[in-house]
Amino acid sequence: MPRALRLKSDYINILLDMAAERTRERGSRVYEEKFGVSLRDIRLLRMIGLAPGITMGQLVQQSAIEKTLASKLVGALVKRDLVQREISTEDARQVCLYLSEAGVDLVRRAEPLGIELEAGFLHCLTPAEIDALRATLVKLIEAEAASRESFERYLQKLRERGTTTP
């Protein structure tokens, strides 16, 4: 019987994924029960509400939801009359997204619940720890965006060297 490998088991990205997945699952269940929408739907609605006229490309980048899935979710929100699509006056190839009145109402009603759910998840942290966590996460997100080009160059070098797969 093979012995357990001695490996690093507390990678930050794994811990972030675990925390995010657990809160996402709980939040989605609550939003679906109370409002009939998923947490991803609420995320997209909030982002559209924060930036009326946002394009699909911008929404995909900011939401970190895969392009095809985001498009499908937005299409469903349009069908439910929560989001409106308009062709951009600056570039006819772009579609701008806006909340409908029903979308605005839903986001406003959901906001207190989001605050409550976040507070419940973070109850084990002090206000200073919450501020530090939020600032650290923002810093990591900004650093990733700033290093994206160098990462792509690194990935290209790996491809050029060839990869070994088992």
C-alpha atoms as a PDB file:
ATOM      1  CA  MET A   1       0.000   0.000   0.000  1.00  0.00           C
ATOM      2  CA  PRO A   2       1.564   3.365  -1.008  1.00  0.00           C
ATOM      3  CA  ARG A   3       2.301   5.857   1.735  1.00  0.00           C
ATOM      4  CA  ALA A   4       0.810   9.330   1.723  1.00  0.00           C
ATOM      5  CA  LEU A   5       2.854  11.858  -0.203  1.00  0.00           C
ATOM      6  CA  ARG A   6       4.439  14.736   1.652  1.00  0.00           C
ATOM      7  CA  LEU A   7       3.086  17.687  -0.264  1.00  0.00           C
ATOM      8  CA  LYS A   8       2.094  21.245   0.469  1.00  0.00           C
ATOM      9  CA  SER A   9      -1.596  21.068   1.320  1.00  0.00           C
ATOM     10  CA  ASP A  10      -2.411  24.678   2.118  1.00  0.00           C
ATOM     11  CA  TYR A  11      -1.959  26.430  -1.226  1.00  0.00           C
ATOM     12  CA  ILE A  12      -3.679  29.808  -1.071  1.00  0.00           C
ATOM     13  CA  ASN A  13      -5.598  29.186  -4.309  1.00  0.00           C
ATOM     14  CA  ILE A  14      -6.995  25.924  -2.901  1.00  0.00           C
ATOM     15  CA  LEU A  15      -8.037  27.608   0.346  1.00  0.00           C
ATOM     16  CA  LEU A  16      -9.631  30.479  -1.603  1.00  0.00           C
ATOM     17  CA  ASP A  17     -11.479  28.001  -3.830  1.00  0.00           C
ATOM     18  CA  MET A  18     -12.739  26.060  -0.822  1.00  0.00           C
ATOM     19  CA  ALA A  19     -13.959  29.186   0.963  1.00  0.00           C
ATOM     20  CA  ALA A  20     -15.512  30.601  -2.208  1.00  0.00           C
ATOM     21  CA  GLU A  21     -17.232  27.362  -3.186  1.00  0.00           C
ATOM     22  CA  ARG A  22     -18.739  26.879   0.261  1.00  0.00           C
ATOM     23  CA  THR A  23     -20.037  30.428   0.500  1.00  0.00           C
ATOM     24  CA  ARG A  24     -21.237  30.343  -3.124  1.00  0.00           C
ATOM     25  CA  GLU A  25     -23.200  27.154  -2.546  1.00  0.00           C
ATOM     26  CA  ARG A  26     -24.872  28.512   0.588  1.00  0.00           C
ATOM     27  CA  GLY A  27     -25.558  31.902  -0.966  1.00  0.00           C
ATOM     28  CA  SER A  28     -27.011  30.403  -4.111  1.00  0.00           C
ATOM     29  CA  ARG A  29     -29.388  28.228  -2.114  1.00  0.00           C
ATOM     30  CA  VAL A  30     -30.629  31.249  -0.161  1.00  0.00           C
ATOM     31  CA  TYR A  31     -31.011  33.511  -3.227  1.00  0.00           C
ATOM     32  CA  GLU A  32     -32.811  30.781  -5.161  1.00  0.00           C
ATOM     33  CA  GLU A  33     -35.167  30.176  -2.239  1.00  0.00           C
ATOM     34  CA  LYS A  34     -35.908  33.842  -1.590  1.00  0.00           C
ATOM     35  CA  PHE A  35     -35.680  35.418  -5.070  1.00  0.00           C
ATOM     36  CA  GLY A  36     -35.656  32.573  -7.593  1.00  0.00           C
ATOM     37  CA  VAL A  37     -32.191  33.481  -8.921  1.00  0.00           C
ATOM     38  CA  SER A  38     -28.731  32.035  -8.409  1.00  0.00           C
ATOM     39  CA  LEU A  39     -25.808  33.756  -6.769  1.00  0.00           C
ATOM     40  CA  ARG A  40     -24.183  34.085 -10.213  1.00  0.00           C
ATOM     41  CA  ASP A  41     -27.327  35.800 -11.478  1.00  0.00           C
ATOM     42  CA  ILE A  42     -27.192  38.228  -8.560  1.00  0.00           C
ATOM     43  CA  ARG A  43     -23.492  38.860  -9.208  1.00  0.00           C
ATOM     44  CA  LEU A  44     -24.179  39.743 -12.851  1.00  0.00           C
ATOM     45  CA  LEU A  45     -27.196  41.879 -11.960  1.00  0.00           C
ATOM     46  CA  ARG A  46     -25.174  43.786  -9.353  1.00  0.00           C
ATOM     47  CA  MET A  47     -22.343  44.414 -11.812  1.00  0.00           C
ATOM     48  CA  ILE A  48     -24.750  45.651 -14.468  1.00  0.00           C
ATOM     49  CA  GLY A  49     -26.409  47.864 -11.852  1.00  0.00           C
ATOM     50  CA  LEU A  50     -23.056  49.285 -10.759  1.00  0.00           C
ATOM     51  CA  ALA A  51     -22.040  50.065 -14.363  1.00  0.00           C
ATOM     52  CA  PRO A  52     -25.119  50.690 -16.542  1.00  0.00           C
ATOM     53  CA  GLY A  53     -24.181  50.214 -20.192  1.00  0.00           C
ATOM     54  CA  ILE A  54     -21.467  47.670 -19.416  1.00  0.00           C
ATOM     55  CA  THR A  55     -20.598  45.492 -22.411  1.00  0.00           C
ATOM     56  CA  MET A  56     -20.614  41.695 -22.349  1.00  0.00           C
ATOM     57  CA  GLY A  57     -16.820  41.638 -22.634  1.00  0.00           C
ATOM     58  CA  GLN A  58     -16.425  43.963 -19.671  1.00  0.00           C
ATOM     59  CA  LEU A  59     -18.948  41.953 -17.672  1.00  0.00           C
ATOM     60  CA  VAL A  60     -17.110  38.694 -18.377  1.00  0.00           C
ATOM     61  CA  GLN A  61     -13.787  40.212 -17.341  1.00  0.00           C
ATOM     62  CA  GLN A  62     -15.126  41.774 -14.151  1.00  0.00           C
ATOM     63  CA  SER A  63     -17.328  38.879 -13.057  1.00  0.00           C
ATOM     64  CA  ALA A  64     -14.737  36.131 -13.623  1.00  0.00           C
ATOM     65  CA  ILE A  65     -17.512  34.002 -15.118  1.00  0.00           C
ATOM     66  CA  GLU A  66     -16.599  32.108 -18.284  1.00  0.00           C
ATOM     67  CA  LYS A  67     -17.771  33.890 -21.469  1.00  0.00           C
ATOM     68  CA  THR A  68     -20.201  31.227 -22.721  1.00  0.00           C
ATOM     69  CA  LEU A  69     -21.772  30.765 -19.290  1.00  0.00           C
ATOM     70  CA  ALA A  70     -22.044  34.524 -18.722  1.00  0.00           C
ATOM     71  CA  SER A  71     -23.741  34.934 -22.109  1.00  0.00           C
ATOM     72  CA  LYS A  72     -26.200  32.157 -21.290  1.00  0.00           C
ATOM     73  CA  LEU A  73     -26.947  33.645 -17.862  1.00  0.00           C
ATOM     74  CA  VAL A  74     -27.449  37.148 -19.290  1.00  0.00           C
ATOM     75  CA  GLY A  75     -29.753  35.711 -21.972  1.00  0.00           C
ATOM     76  CA  ALA A  76     -31.868  34.096 -19.260  1.00  0.00           C
ATOM     77  CA  LEU A  77     -31.950  37.376 -17.299  1.00  0.00           C
ATOM     78  CA  VAL A  78     -33.113  39.187 -20.451  1.00  0.00           C
ATOM     79  CA  LYS A  79     -35.899  36.621 -20.926  1.00  0.00           C
ATOM     80  CA  ARG A  80     -36.969  37.189 -17.318  1.00  0.00           C
ATOM     81  CA  ASP A  81     -37.092  40.955 -18.011  1.00  0.00           C
ATOM     82  CA  LEU A  82     -34.399  41.696 -15.434  1.00  0.00           C
ATOM     83  CA  VAL A  83     -31.828  42.940 -17.973  1.00  0.00           C
ATOM     84  CA  GLN A  84     -32.158  44.942 -21.175  1.00  0.00           C
ATOM     85  CA  ARG A  85     -29.711  44.800 -24.089  1.00  0.00           C
ATOM     86  CA  GLU A  86     -29.096  47.782 -26.346  1.00  0.00           C
ATOM     87  CA  ILE A  87     -26.746  48.161 -29.299  1.00  0.00           C
ATOM     88  CA  SER A  88     -23.978  50.614 -28.464  1.00  0.00           C
ATOM     89  CA  THR A  89     -24.311  54.045 -30.050  1.00  0.00           C
ATOM     90  CA  GLU A  90     -20.490  54.206 -30.278  1.00  0.00           C
ATOM     91  CA  ASP A  91     -19.864  50.752 -31.772  1.00  0.00           C
ATOM     92  CA  ALA A  92     -22.701  48.778 -33.359  1.00  0.00           C
ATOM     93  CA  ARG A  93     -20.781  45.530 -32.711  1.00  0.00           C
ATOM     94  CA  GLN A  94     -21.093  46.066 -28.963  1.00  0.00           C
ATOM     95  CA  VAL A  95     -24.163  45.324 -26.886  1.00  0.00           C
ATOM     96  CA  CYS A  96     -24.657  47.371 -23.732  1.00  0.00           C
ATOM     97  CA  LEU A  97     -26.452  45.922 -20.731  1.00  0.00           C
ATOM     98  CA  TYR A  98     -28.822  47.715 -18.380  1.00  0.00           C
ATOM     99  CA  LEU A  99     -31.048  46.626 -15.520  1.00  0.00           C
ATOM    100  CA  SER A 100     -34.760  46.824 -16.169  1.00  0.00           C
ATOM    101  CA  GLU A 101     -36.985  48.258 -13.434  1.00  0.00           C
ATOM    102  CA  ALA A 102     -37.617  44.699 -12.247  1.00  0.00           C
ATOM    103  CA  GLY A 103     -33.849  44.088 -12.207  1.00  0.00           C
ATOM    104  CA  VAL A 104     -33.212  47.232 -10.166  1.00  0.00           C
ATOM    105  CA  ASP A 105     -35.932  46.181  -7.725  1.00  0.00           C
ATOM    106  CA  LEU A 106     -34.495  42.687  -7.360  1.00  0.00           C
ATOM    107  CA  VAL A 107     -30.938  43.933  -6.769  1.00  0.00           C
ATOM    108  CA  ARG A 108     -32.151  46.423  -4.165  1.00  0.00           C
ATOM    109  CA  ARG A 109     -34.149  43.736  -2.345  1.00  0.00           C
ATOM    110  CA  ALA A 110     -31.232  41.270  -2.504  1.00  0.00           C
ATOM    111  CA  GLU A 111     -28.567  43.682  -1.226  1.00  0.00           C
ATOM    112  CA  PRO A 112     -29.459  43.436   2.504  1.00  0.00           C
ATOM    113  CA  LEU A 113     -29.431  39.649   2.223  1.00  0.00           C
ATOM    114  CA  GLY A 114     -25.954  39.734   0.668  1.00  0.00           C
ATOM    115  CA  ILE A 115     -24.695  41.889   3.519  1.00  0.00           C
ATOM    116  CA  GLU A 116     -26.268  39.508   6.042  1.00  0.00           C
ATOM    117  CA  LEU A 117     -24.798  36.408   4.374  1.00  0.00           C
ATOM    118  CA  GLU A 118     -21.330  37.960   4.180  1.00  0.00           C
ATOM    119  CA  ALA A 119     -21.475  38.975   7.841  1.00  0.00           C
ATOM    120  CA  GLY A 120     -22.495  35.431   8.774  1.00  0.00           C
ATOM    121  CA  PHE A 121     -19.564  33.967   6.892  1.00  0.00           C
ATOM    122  CA  LEU A 122     -17.082  36.462   8.309  1.00  0.00           C
ATOM    123  CA  HIS A 123     -18.363  36.405  11.901  1.00  0.00           C
ATOM    124  CA  CYS A 124     -15.182  34.630  13.060  1.00  0.00           C
ATOM    125  CA  LEU A 125     -13.010  37.584  11.989  1.00  0.00           C
ATOM    126  CA  THR A 126     -12.519  40.936  13.673  1.00  0.00           C
ATOM    127  CA  PRO A 127     -13.353  44.107  11.728  1.00  0.00           C
ATOM    128  CA  ALA A 128      -9.598  44.712  11.295  1.00  0.00           C
ATOM    129  CA  GLU A 129      -9.121  41.177   9.929  1.00  0.00           C
ATOM    130  CA  ILE A 130     -12.019  41.678   7.510  1.00  0.00           C
ATOM    131  CA  ASP A 131     -10.492  44.948   6.276  1.00  0.00           C
ATOM    132  CA  ALA A 132      -7.095  43.271   5.893  1.00  0.00           C
ATOM    133  CA  LEU A 133      -8.598  40.294   4.055  1.00  0.00           C
ATOM    134  CA  ARG A 134     -10.529  42.544   1.675  1.00  0.00           C
ATOM    135  CA  ALA A 135      -7.462  44.718   1.000  1.00  0.00           C
ATOM    136  CA  THR A 136      -5.273  41.651   0.450  1.00  0.00           C
ATOM    137  CA  LEU A 137      -7.737  40.084  -1.990  1.00  0.00           C
ATOM    138  CA  VAL A 138      -8.020  43.336  -3.957  1.00  0.00           C
ATOM    139  CA  LYS A 139      -4.218  43.549  -4.043  1.00  0.00           C
ATOM    140  CA  LEU A 140      -3.956  39.972  -5.361  1.00  0.00           C
ATOM    141  CA  ILE A 141      -6.594  40.604  -8.031  1.00  0.00           C
ATOM    142  CA  GLU A 142      -4.814  43.773  -9.167  1.00  0.00           C
ATOM    143  CA  ALA A 143      -1.435  41.999  -9.176  1.00  0.00           C
ATOM    144  CA  GLU A 144      -2.842  39.199 -11.324  1.00  0.00           C
ATOM    145  CA  ALA A 145      -4.203  41.711 -13.823  1.00  0.00           C
ATOM    146  CA  ALA A 146      -0.872  43.559 -13.910  1.00  0.00           C
ATOM    147  CA  SER A 147       1.097  40.345 -14.466  1.00  0.00           C
ATOM    148  CA  ARG A 148      -1.178  38.792 -17.094  1.00  0.00           C
ATOM    149  CA  GLU A 149       1.104  39.615 -20.048  1.00  0.00           C
ATOM    150  CA  SER A 150       4.214  38.212 -18.367  1.00  0.00           C
ATOM    151  CA  PHE A 151       2.273  35.089 -17.434  1.00  0.00           C
ATOM    152  CA  GLU A 152       1.255  34.590 -21.066  1.00  0.00           C
ATOM    153  CA  ARG A 153       4.919  34.911 -22.097  1.00  0.00           C
ATOM    154  CA  TYR A 154       5.860  32.329 -19.457  1.00  0.00           C
ATOM    155  CA  LEU A 155       3.167  29.976 -20.737  1.00  0.00           C
ATOM    156  CA  GLN A 156       4.385  30.450 -24.303  1.00  0.00           C
ATOM    157  CA  LYS A 157       7.936  29.531 -23.247  1.00  0.00           C
ATOM    158  CA  LEU A 158       6.610  26.345 -21.663  1.00  0.00           C
ATOM    159  CA  ARG A 159       4.824  25.470 -24.895  1.00  0.00           C
ATOM    160  CA  GLU A 160       7.963  26.113 -26.922  1.00  0.00           C
ATOM    161  CA  ARG A 161       9.996  23.809 -24.682  1.00  0.00           C
ATOM    162  CA  GLY A 162       7.335  21.119 -24.990  1.00  0.00           C
ATOM    163  CA  THR A 163       5.487  19.550 -22.122  1.00  0.00           C
ATOM    164  CA  THR A 164       5.786  16.099 -20.693  1.00  0.00           C
ATOM    165  CA  THR A 165       2.586  14.350 -19.765  1.00  0.00           C
ATOM    166  CA  PRO A 166       2.340  10.969 -18.091  1.00  0.00           C
END
